[in-house]
C-alpha atoms as a PDB file:
ATOM      1  CA  MET A   1      26.985   0.397  35.533  1.00  0.00           C
ATOM      2  CA  LYS A   2      26.684  -2.908  37.584  1.00  0.00           C
ATOM      3  CA  LYS A   3      22.507  -1.475  38.335  1.00  0.00           C
ATOM      4  CA  ILE A   4      21.805  -0.336  34.768  1.00  0.00           C
ATOM      5  CA  MET A   5      22.937  -3.949  33.666  1.00  0.00           C
ATOM      6  CA  MET A   6      20.597  -5.321  36.815  1.00  0.00           C
ATOM      7  CA  VAL A   7      17.802  -3.980  34.769  1.00  0.00           C
ATOM      8  CA  ILE A   8      18.636  -5.553  32.120  1.00  0.00           C
ATOM      9  CA  LEU A   9      18.963  -8.625  33.072  1.00  0.00           C
ATOM     10  CA  TYR A  10      15.393  -7.820  35.014  1.00  0.00           C
ATOM     11  CA  ILE A  11      14.257  -6.601  31.480  1.00  0.00           C
ATOM     12  CA  PHE A  12      15.518  -9.830  29.831  1.00  0.00           C
ATOM     13  CA  ILE A  13      14.012 -11.796  32.101  1.00  0.00           C
ATOM     14  CA  GLY A  14      10.723  -9.934  31.982  1.00  0.00           C
ATOM     15  CA  LEU A  15      11.111 -10.976  28.593  1.00  0.00           C
ATOM     16  CA  ILE A  16      11.435 -14.159  28.574  1.00  0.00           C
ATOM     17  CA  GLY A  17       8.862 -15.004  31.202  1.00  0.00           C
ATOM     18  CA  PHE A  18       6.269 -13.641  29.261  1.00  0.00           C
ATOM     19  CA  ALA A  19       7.027 -15.405  26.332  1.00  0.00           C
ATOM     20  CA  ALA A  20       7.176 -18.548  28.312  1.00  0.00           C
ATOM     21  CA  ILE A  21       3.593 -18.165  29.736  1.00  0.00           C
ATOM     22  CA  TYR A  22       2.414 -16.576  26.364  1.00  0.00           C
ATOM     23  CA  PHE A  23       3.238 -19.393  24.135  1.00  0.00           C
ATOM     24  CA  ALA A  24       2.202 -22.163  27.356  1.00  0.00           C
ATOM     25  CA  ALA A  25      -1.322 -20.495  26.936  1.00  0.00           C
ATOM     26  CA  ASP A  26      -1.418 -21.155  23.313  1.00  0.00           C
ATOM     27  CA  PHE A  27      -0.030 -24.440  23.844  1.00  0.00           C
ATOM     28  CA  ILE A  28      -3.129 -25.578  26.264  1.00  0.00           C
ATOM     29  CA  LEU A  29      -5.852 -23.482  25.122  1.00  0.00           C
ATOM     30  CA  SER A  30      -5.383 -24.043  21.318  1.00  0.00           C
ATOM     31  CA  ARG A  31      -6.089 -27.970  22.514  1.00  0.00           C
ATOM     32  CA  ILE A  32      -9.522 -27.650  23.938  1.00  0.00           C
ATOM     33  CA  SER A  33     -12.178 -27.692  21.873  1.00  0.00           C
ATOM     34  CA  ALA A  34     -15.265 -24.695  22.270  1.00  0.00           C
ATOM     35  CA  ASN A  35     -18.451 -25.826  22.813  1.00  0.00           C
ATOM     36  CA  HIS A  36     -19.147 -27.475  19.510  1.00  0.00           C
ATOM     37  CA  LYS A  37     -22.305 -29.540  19.510  1.00  0.00           C
ATOM     38  CA  ASP A  38     -23.207 -30.994  15.282  1.00  0.00           C
ATOM     39  CA  ASN A  39     -27.452 -30.287  15.411  1.00  0.00           C
ATOM     40  CA  ASN A  40     -27.899 -32.501  12.928  1.00  0.00           C
ATOM     41  CA  GLN A  41     -29.155 -29.880  10.072  1.00  0.00           C
ATOM     42  CA  ASN A  42     -28.690 -30.313   6.642  1.00  0.00           C
ATOM     43  CA  LYS A  43     -25.109 -29.298   5.544  1.00  0.00           C
ATOM     44  CA  SER A  44     -25.432 -28.383   2.232  1.00  0.00           C
ATOM     45  CA  ILE A  45     -22.385 -25.644   1.643  1.00  0.00           C
ATOM     46  CA  THR A  46     -19.034 -26.460   1.506  1.00  0.00           C
ATOM     47  CA  ALA A  47     -16.808 -24.316   3.414  1.00  0.00           C
ATOM     48  CA  TYR A  48     -12.915 -24.191   3.160  1.00  0.00           C
ATOM     49  CA  ILE A  49     -10.522 -23.252   5.909  1.00  0.00           C
ATOM     50  CA  LEU A  50      -7.126 -22.071   4.187  1.00  0.00           C
ATOM     51  CA  SER A  51      -4.027 -20.931   6.001  1.00  0.00           C
ATOM     52  CA  ASN A  52      -0.733 -19.643   4.231  1.00  0.00           C
ATOM     53  CA  GLY A  53       1.500 -21.127   6.847  1.00  0.00           C
ATOM     54  CA  VAL A  54       0.418 -18.259   8.994  1.00  0.00           C
ATOM     55  CA  HIS A  55      -2.313 -16.884   9.224  1.00  0.00           C
ATOM     56  CA  THR A  56      -5.832 -18.384   8.329  1.00  0.00           C
ATOM     57  CA  ASP A  57      -8.925 -17.272   6.104  1.00  0.00           C
ATOM     58  CA  ILE A  58     -12.525 -18.562   5.621  1.00  0.00           C
ATOM     59  CA  VAL A  59     -13.335 -19.693   2.307  1.00  0.00           C
ATOM     60  CA  LEU A  60     -16.848 -19.602   1.560  1.00  0.00           C
ATOM     61  CA  PRO A  61     -19.068 -20.202  -1.975  1.00  0.00           C
ATOM     62  CA  ILE A  62     -18.644 -16.654  -4.322  1.00  0.00           C
ATOM     63  CA  LYS A  63     -22.585 -16.534  -4.484  1.00  0.00           C
ATOM     64  CA  ASN A  64     -25.768 -18.621  -3.040  1.00  0.00           C
ATOM     65  CA  GLU A  65     -28.872 -17.871  -2.221  1.00  0.00           C
ATOM     66  CA  LEU A  66     -27.842 -16.664   1.240  1.00  0.00           C
ATOM     67  CA  GLN A  67     -24.944 -13.794  -0.084  1.00  0.00           C
ATOM     68  CA  ASP A  68     -23.807 -13.269  -2.995  1.00  0.00           C
ATOM     69  CA  TRP A  69     -20.369 -11.318  -2.313  1.00  0.00           C
ATOM     70  CA  THR A  70     -19.622  -9.658  -4.845  1.00  0.00           C
ATOM     71  CA  GLU A  71     -22.120  -7.379  -3.526  1.00  0.00           C
ATOM     72  CA  ILE A  72     -20.075  -6.515  -1.350  1.00  0.00           C
ATOM     73  CA  PHE A  73     -16.171  -6.988  -2.663  1.00  0.00           C
ATOM     74  CA  PRO A  74     -17.000  -6.284  -6.370  1.00  0.00           C
ATOM     75  CA  LEU A  75     -14.698  -8.155  -8.740  1.00  0.00           C
ATOM     76  CA  GLU A  76     -13.644  -5.002 -10.937  1.00  0.00           C
ATOM     77  CA  ASN A  77     -11.364  -4.414  -7.166  1.00  0.00           C
ATOM     78  CA  THR A  78      -9.444  -6.918  -8.059  1.00  0.00           C
ATOM     79  CA  LYS A  79      -6.369  -6.491 -10.494  1.00  0.00           C
ATOM     80  CA  GLY A  80      -7.756  -9.111 -12.827  1.00  0.00           C
ATOM     81  CA  ASN A  81     -11.224  -8.979 -12.654  1.00  0.00           C
ATOM     82  CA  ALA A  82     -11.831 -12.755 -13.258  1.00  0.00           C
ATOM     83  CA  GLN A  83     -15.365 -12.824 -13.564  1.00  0.00           C
ATOM     84  CA  ASP A  84     -15.398 -17.311 -13.561  1.00  0.00           C
ATOM     85  CA  HIS A  85     -14.444 -17.504  -9.431  1.00  0.00           C
ATOM     86  CA  ASN A  86     -16.335 -20.354  -7.380  1.00  0.00           C
ATOM     87  CA  PHE A  87     -15.059 -19.261  -4.368  1.00  0.00           C
ATOM     88  CA  VAL A  88     -14.163 -16.169  -1.858  1.00  0.00           C
ATOM     89  CA  SER A  89     -11.507 -16.547   1.163  1.00  0.00           C
ATOM     90  CA  ILE A  90     -11.904 -13.896   4.206  1.00  0.00           C
ATOM     91  CA  GLY A  91      -9.067 -12.574   6.438  1.00  0.00           C
ATOM     92  CA  TRP A  92      -8.697  -9.899   9.082  1.00  0.00           C
ATOM     93  CA  GLY A  93      -5.632  -8.368  10.288  1.00  0.00           C
ATOM     94  CA  ASP A  94      -3.681  -5.276  11.124  1.00  0.00           C
ATOM     95  CA  LYS A  95      -3.685  -3.190   8.006  1.00  0.00           C
ATOM     96  CA  GLY A  96       0.016  -2.380   7.890  1.00  0.00           C
ATOM     97  CA  PHE A  97       0.975  -5.591   7.695  1.00  0.00           C
ATOM     98  CA  TYR A  98      -0.743  -6.682   5.274  1.00  0.00           C
ATOM     99  CA  LEU A  99       0.097  -3.248   2.939  1.00  0.00           C
ATOM    100  CA  ASN A 100       4.035  -3.663   3.394  1.00  0.00           C
ATOM    101  CA  THR A 101       4.528  -6.791   4.452  1.00  0.00           C
ATOM    102  CA  PRO A 102       4.162  -8.956   1.169  1.00  0.00           C
ATOM    103  CA  GLU A 103       6.871 -10.829   1.825  1.00  0.00           C
ATOM    104  CA  TRP A 104       8.635 -11.902   5.500  1.00  0.00           C
ATOM    105  CA  LYS A 105      11.758 -10.420   4.307  1.00  0.00           C
ATOM    106  CA  ASP A 106       9.819  -6.803   3.766  1.00  0.00           C
ATOM    107  CA  LEU A 107       8.598  -7.270   7.822  1.00  0.00           C
ATOM    108  CA  THR A 108      10.046  -3.853   9.510  1.00  0.00           C
ATOM    109  CA  LEU A 109      10.756  -3.691  13.614  1.00  0.00           C
ATOM    110  CA  LYS A 110       8.016  -0.344  13.351  1.00  0.00           C
ATOM    111  CA  THR A 111       5.075  -2.818  11.539  1.00  0.00           C
ATOM    112  CA  ALA A 112       5.579  -5.252  13.674  1.00  0.00           C
ATOM    113  CA  LEU A 113       5.248  -3.287  17.220  1.00  0.00           C
ATOM    114  CA  ILE A 114       2.161  -0.785  15.669  1.00  0.00           C
ATOM    115  CA  ALA A 115       0.791  -4.734  15.188  1.00  0.00           C
ATOM    116  CA  GLY A 116       2.119  -6.117  18.792  1.00  0.00           C
ATOM    117  CA  LEU A 117       1.014  -3.237  20.756  1.00  0.00           C
ATOM    118  CA  GLY A 118      -2.364  -2.813  18.993  1.00  0.00           C
ATOM    119  CA  ILE A 119      -1.917   1.003  17.821  1.00  0.00           C
ATOM    120  CA  GLY A 120      -2.332   0.260  13.885  1.00  0.00           C
ATOM    121  CA  GLU A 121      -5.901  -0.159  11.877  1.00  0.00           C
ATOM    122  CA  THR A 122      -6.893  -3.505  10.515  1.00  0.00           C
ATOM    123  CA  ALA A 123      -8.330  -4.615   7.520  1.00  0.00           C
ATOM    124  CA  LEU A 124     -10.140  -7.340   5.963  1.00  0.00           C
ATOM    125  CA  HIS A 125      -7.898  -8.719   2.805  1.00  0.00           C
ATOM    126  CA  ILE A 126     -10.543 -10.434   0.703  1.00  0.00           C
ATOM    127  CA  THR A 127      -9.217 -13.130  -2.445  1.00  0.00           C
ATOM    128  CA  TYR A 128     -10.875 -14.976  -5.128  1.00  0.00           C
ATOM    129  CA  TYR A 129     -10.419 -18.676  -6.517  1.00  0.00           C
ATOM    130  CA  LYS A 130     -11.796 -20.364  -8.822  1.00  0.00           C
ATOM    131  CA  LYS A 131     -11.152 -23.621  -7.383  1.00  0.00           C
ATOM    132  CA  MET A 132      -9.540 -25.309  -3.885  1.00  0.00           C
ATOM    133  CA  VAL A 133      -7.646 -27.536  -3.504  1.00  0.00           C
ATOM    134  CA  GLU A 134      -7.265 -29.866  -0.351  1.00  0.00           C
ATOM    135  CA  ASP A 135      -4.223 -29.749   1.254  1.00  0.00           C
ATOM    136  CA  ASP A 136      -2.734 -29.937   5.615  1.00  0.00           C
ATOM    137  CA  LEU A 137      -3.227 -26.059   4.800  1.00  0.00           C
ATOM    138  CA  CYS A 138      -6.639 -26.649   3.391  1.00  0.00           C
ATOM    139  CA  TYR A 139      -9.191 -27.916   4.724  1.00  0.00           C
ATOM    140  CA  LYS A 140     -12.481 -28.457   3.279  1.00  0.00           C
ATOM    141  CA  ILE A 141     -15.908 -28.391   5.801  1.00  0.00           C
ATOM    142  CA  GLN A 142     -19.757 -29.189   4.905  1.00  0.00           C
ATOM    143  CA  ILE A 143     -22.072 -26.612   7.005  1.00  0.00           C
ATOM    144  CA  ASP A 144     -25.857 -25.711   7.439  1.00  0.00           C
ATOM    145  CA  THR A 145     -27.087 -22.561   6.375  1.00  0.00           C
ATOM    146  CA  ASN A 146     -27.421 -21.113  10.589  1.00  0.00           C
ATOM    147  CA  GLN A 147     -23.726 -21.073  10.316  1.00  0.00           C
ATOM    148  CA  TYR A 148     -22.986 -19.818   6.965  1.00  0.00           C
ATOM    149  CA  ASN A 149     -25.085 -16.968   8.356  1.00  0.00           C
ATOM    150  CA  ALA A 150     -23.400 -16.536  11.707  1.00  0.00           C
ATOM    151  CA  ILE A 151     -20.786 -15.965   9.253  1.00  0.00           C
ATOM    152  CA  LYS A 152     -21.516 -14.057   6.846  1.00  0.00           C
ATOM    153  CA  ASP A 153     -23.251 -11.730   9.870  1.00  0.00           C
ATOM    154  CA  TYR A 154     -19.664 -11.105  11.353  1.00  0.00           C
ATOM    155  CA  VAL A 155     -17.749 -10.945   8.564  1.00  0.00           C
ATOM    156  CA  LEU A 156     -20.311  -7.508   7.363  1.00  0.00           C
ATOM    157  CA  GLU A 157     -19.737  -6.533  11.338  1.00  0.00           C
ATOM    158  CA  ALA A 158     -15.816  -6.654  11.155  1.00  0.00           C
ATOM    159  CA  LEU A 159     -16.403  -4.385   8.188  1.00  0.00           C
ATOM    160  CA  ASP A 160     -15.938  -0.156   8.557  1.00  0.00           C
ATOM    161  CA  LYS A 161     -18.093   1.780   5.712  1.00  0.00           C
ATOM    162  CA  ASP A 162     -18.625   5.183   4.306  1.00  0.00           C
ATOM    163  CA  GLU A 163     -21.425   7.552   5.012  1.00  0.00           C
ATOM    164  CA  ASN A 164     -23.195   5.654   2.544  1.00  0.00           C
ATOM    165  CA  GLY A 165     -23.195   2.508   4.262  1.00  0.00           C
ATOM    166  CA  LYS A 166     -20.170   0.809   1.138  1.00  0.00           C
ATOM    167  CA  PRO A 167     -17.795  -1.364   2.648  1.00  0.00           C
ATOM    168  CA  ILE A 168     -14.601   0.954   2.164  1.00  0.00           C
ATOM    169  CA  LEU A 169     -11.780  -0.430  -0.679  1.00  0.00           C
ATOM    170  CA  ILE A 170      -8.334   0.208   0.533  1.00  0.00           C
ATOM    171  CA  LYS A 171      -7.016   1.900  -2.771  1.00  0.00           C
ATOM    172  CA  THR A 172      -3.727   0.355  -2.647  1.00  0.00           C
ATOM    173  CA  HIS A 173      -0.842  -1.341  -5.288  1.00  0.00           C
ATOM    174  CA  ALA A 174       0.339  -4.040  -2.639  1.00  0.00           C
ATOM    175  CA  GLN A 175      -1.934  -6.448  -3.404  1.00  0.00           C
ATOM    176  CA  TYR A 176      -0.542 -10.395  -3.611  1.00  0.00           C
ATOM    177  CA  GLY A 177      -1.964 -11.433  -7.267  1.00  0.00           C
ATOM    178  CA  ASP A 178      -4.498 -10.420  -9.475  1.00  0.00           C
ATOM    179  CA  ASP A 179      -7.385 -11.865  -7.369  1.00  0.00           C
ATOM    180  CA  ASP A 180      -7.233  -9.673  -4.358  1.00  0.00           C
ATOM    181  CA  ALA A 181      -8.439  -6.144  -2.013  1.00  0.00           C
ATOM    182  CA  PHE A 182      -8.535  -4.925   0.959  1.00  0.00           C
ATOM    183  CA  TYR A 183     -10.979  -3.105   2.774  1.00  0.00           C
ATOM    184  CA  GLU A 184     -10.795  -1.555   6.041  1.00  0.00           C
ATOM    185  CA  ALA A 185     -12.085  -2.985   8.848  1.00  0.00           C
ATOM    186  CA  LYS A 186     -13.492  -2.297  12.866  1.00  0.00           C
ATOM    187  CA  GLY A 187     -11.046  -3.494  15.937  1.00  0.00           C
ATOM    188  CA  ALA A 188      -7.374  -3.554  16.874  1.00  0.00           C
ATOM    189  CA  TYR A 189      -4.812  -6.439  16.220  1.00  0.00           C
ATOM    190  CA  ASN A 190      -2.524  -6.595  19.418  1.00  0.00           C
ATOM    191  CA  LEU A 191      -0.285  -9.606  21.040  1.00  0.00           C
ATOM    192  CA  PHE A 192      -3.407 -11.067  22.585  1.00  0.00           C
ATOM    193  CA  TYR A 193      -6.019 -10.830  19.217  1.00  0.00           C
ATOM    194  CA  SER A 194      -4.265 -11.877  16.579  1.00  0.00           C
ATOM    195  CA  CYS A 195      -5.734 -12.593  12.963  1.00  0.00           C
ATOM    196  CA  ASN A 196      -5.965 -16.096  13.566  1.00  0.00           C
ATOM    197  CA  THR A 197      -7.992 -14.955  16.947  1.00  0.00           C
ATOM    198  CA  TRP A 198     -10.730 -13.137  14.515  1.00  0.00           C
ATOM    199  CA  SER A 199     -10.462 -15.949  12.038  1.00  0.00           C
ATOM    200  CA  ASN A 200     -11.097 -18.746  15.072  1.00  0.00           C
ATOM    201  CA  ALA A 201     -13.937 -16.075  16.915  1.00  0.00           C
ATOM    202  CA  ALA A 202     -15.772 -17.028  13.582  1.00  0.00           C
ATOM    203  CA  LEU A 203     -15.746 -20.267  13.285  1.00  0.00           C
ATOM    204  CA  LYS A 204     -16.838 -20.166  17.817  1.00  0.00           C
ATOM    205  CA  LYS A 205     -20.148 -17.704  16.268  1.00  0.00           C
ATOM    206  CA  ALA A 206     -20.536 -20.160  14.008  1.00  0.00           C
ATOM    207  CA  ASN A 207     -20.788 -23.219  15.850  1.00  0.00           C
ATOM    208  CA  MET A 208     -17.937 -24.808  13.927  1.00  0.00           C
ATOM    209  CA  PRO A 209     -14.534 -26.799  15.152  1.00  0.00           C
ATOM    210  CA  SER A 210     -12.775 -24.410  16.930  1.00  0.00           C
ATOM    211  CA  ALA A 211     -10.516 -24.046  19.491  1.00  0.00           C
ATOM    212  CA  VAL A 212     -10.807 -21.599  23.329  1.00  0.00           C
ATOM    213  CA  TRP A 213      -8.011 -18.900  22.335  1.00  0.00           C
ATOM    214  CA  THR A 214      -5.301 -19.097  19.659  1.00  0.00           C
ATOM    215  CA  VAL A 215      -3.226 -16.800  17.981  1.00  0.00           C
ATOM    216  CA  PHE A 216      -1.384 -19.425  15.772  1.00  0.00           C
ATOM    217  CA  ASP A 217      -3.064 -20.839  13.061  1.00  0.00           C
ATOM    218  CA  THR A 218      -2.368 -24.559  13.664  1.00  0.00           C
ATOM    219  CA  GLY A 219      -4.646 -23.538  16.410  1.00  0.00           C
ATOM    220  CA  ILE A 220      -7.476 -24.076  14.026  1.00  0.00           C
ATOM    221  CA  LEU A 221      -5.642 -25.999  12.101  1.00  0.00           C
ATOM    222  CA  ARG A 222      -5.455 -29.225  14.363  1.00  0.00           C
ATOM    223  CA  HIS A 223      -9.779 -28.911  14.930  1.00  0.00           C
ATOM    224  CA  TYR A 224      -9.679 -29.821  11.279  1.00  0.00           C
ATOM    225  CA  LYS A 225      -7.919 -33.137  10.986  1.00  0.00           C
ATOM    226  CA  LYS A 226      -8.984 -35.983  10.304  1.00  0.00           C
END
């Protein structure tokens, strides 16, 4: 019995130590800016960094001369099929978490473990908006064509595609509203590579304000606060 208690104690101490290192690493690295230099190019494209309080999305114009996102993510794949949207929000994450956890009260131990251990599939969550409202969870930023193309390529590379090279729609009734849809994606979500790590990597690639590394939305948002 004593040996069992000692094993349990060591496991508990190990978990506490891991958690301390994990959160300390994010606390430090998320505050260090990745290499970001303003290239002074014409920043004529309006984008947004959007969070729901946990998860970050990158928001882009629904269409411009560089990309028409409705050709990649058709509006008819949403419940509402509204035609008056102006922005598209793009996020990446664990497929099971997206589809099975519309609210935190729906989170199960199984879903959390699959996501945390990186053994589940992933998805892109696409949401269309008529307008964006700036607040503490939504930050506007002007970007140039090079930055836009970097994000565009990053998103397209993250998509799983069928034999015809088309994005694969996830047919589900688990949409969060009338203006969103899910698509199969590449990669594995885990404790060290979260939805926010994915967004942060996109911002890094586009030479936009970002952290060295983060798993939390605050690690991104702090670089956009004025």
